[in-house]
Each structure stands twice: as C-alpha cells, then as structure tokens.
Amino acid sequence: MDKNPINQPAFHSPRPYLSWSQISLFERSPEWYAKKYLFAQQEEQTDSMRFGKRFAQALELQQKTGDDALDNLVSVFPKYPLREFQIEAQLEGVEVPLYGVLDAFDQETLRIGEFKTGRLWTQEMVNESGQLKMYALLVWLKFQQLPSEVLLHWAETQYIEGKGIEFTGEVQSFEARISLEDLATFSARVRRAWDGIKTLSALHAQAHQGW
C-alpha cells in the first residue's frame, strides 16, 4: 500500500502544549480538532473572525488604523501594564504544559483582562466562560494565588447590510466570578480533554501508518 498518497494530508503529533482553543474545539467536535491540529487544515475565516482579529491587532499595537470607529473604541478600552501576556503552567495529571495568551494582565495585582467583540455577552455567559476559567487556572498554577479580578471587556457589534460588521458604540465590562471550586471542576475538564486528544491522536496515527 502507498504510504504517502498524494491527496492525503500529512499527520502531525499533538502540540507540546494544551490551550483553551484546543480544548474548546475538541469538546465541540473531535473531527474538527483532528482536521485543524492533526492534519493542519486551515479554518475558514468568517467575517466575525476577521473583524475580531483586526480589533485585537489594533488593541495590541495601540496605533491609528485609519478607521475612526475602531480607533475611538481602542482609545476608551481599559489599559493594562501587560498585553498579550504568555503564560505556561503544569497541571498534575497532564503531561504537557497548559498555555495561554492573556489579552491583558497586571502581574503585580494578578488582574486579568479579556477583550471581546460580538453581538452579545451577559454576566451569566462570562461566569460560565471556559476561556476565563482556563486563564484563572493558569494564574493559580503559576503564582499560587487566585487572580484578584478576571474582567471581560466587551464591545458590541452588529451586522449592517452592505457595510458588514460595525461597532454599536456600546462597551461593557463584566467581572467573572471564579472560585477555587470552579478551578477544581475545570481542571477535571482539562484532564478529560487531554485524555481524549491523546486517544484521538493515537487512532489517527495508526490509521496514517496504514495508508
């Protein structure tokens, strides 16, 4: 049998770290996870994804973009000492490091800031956010303290026919309520996801060897 069929995508081992993006995608669809992380197939970019990326870049660079609405929004968002803060920590029972990039962080006070755009965020959604729990867990493991605050800053957007996605001008901040009990529950979720990813990867590796 041909071991390298022309139309067969190359297989990649699991990444040497575990991020919220990986956990979230695996929980939604192991098939989509395999396509993206094991076979390096590019995700189709939606208008919302492209808009969110442009917004994130503007926040990171803190430079004028030429888009007045975007520039005005960036100017009113909360400022933090650190932006795009990379953090790794080891969770017992997970062989690879947990990894995250916090949108904003104050290392002196252990305050986390996450910036979002989109149609809707509520307090309940923020409290249930796996991403925010992941970041709080990383801070707990790294610094042996709970974050002083975990804040989500949301810029509301809407779709306008013929114009695309635009800001409504509404900006809200929510504080996530995350306890040590929440982190213990989330840690079990991380372990389940990693066990599932390892099993999925082994199955695809075996199948790939048989091609």
Foldseek 3Di string as FASTA:
>chain_A
DDLCDPPDAAFDFADLAAEPVLLVVCVVPVVVSCVCGTRNDDDDDDLQNVVFVVLLVCLVVVDDDVPVQSNVVSVPDDDAPDAQDWFWADDPLFPGIYIDGFRHAHPVQQEGEAEEEEADDDQVCLQPDLNLLSSQLRCCRVVVDGHPWYKYKYFYWDQDPPPGIDTPPDIDMYTHDADPVNNVVSSVSVNVSSVVSVVSSVVVVVVSSVD
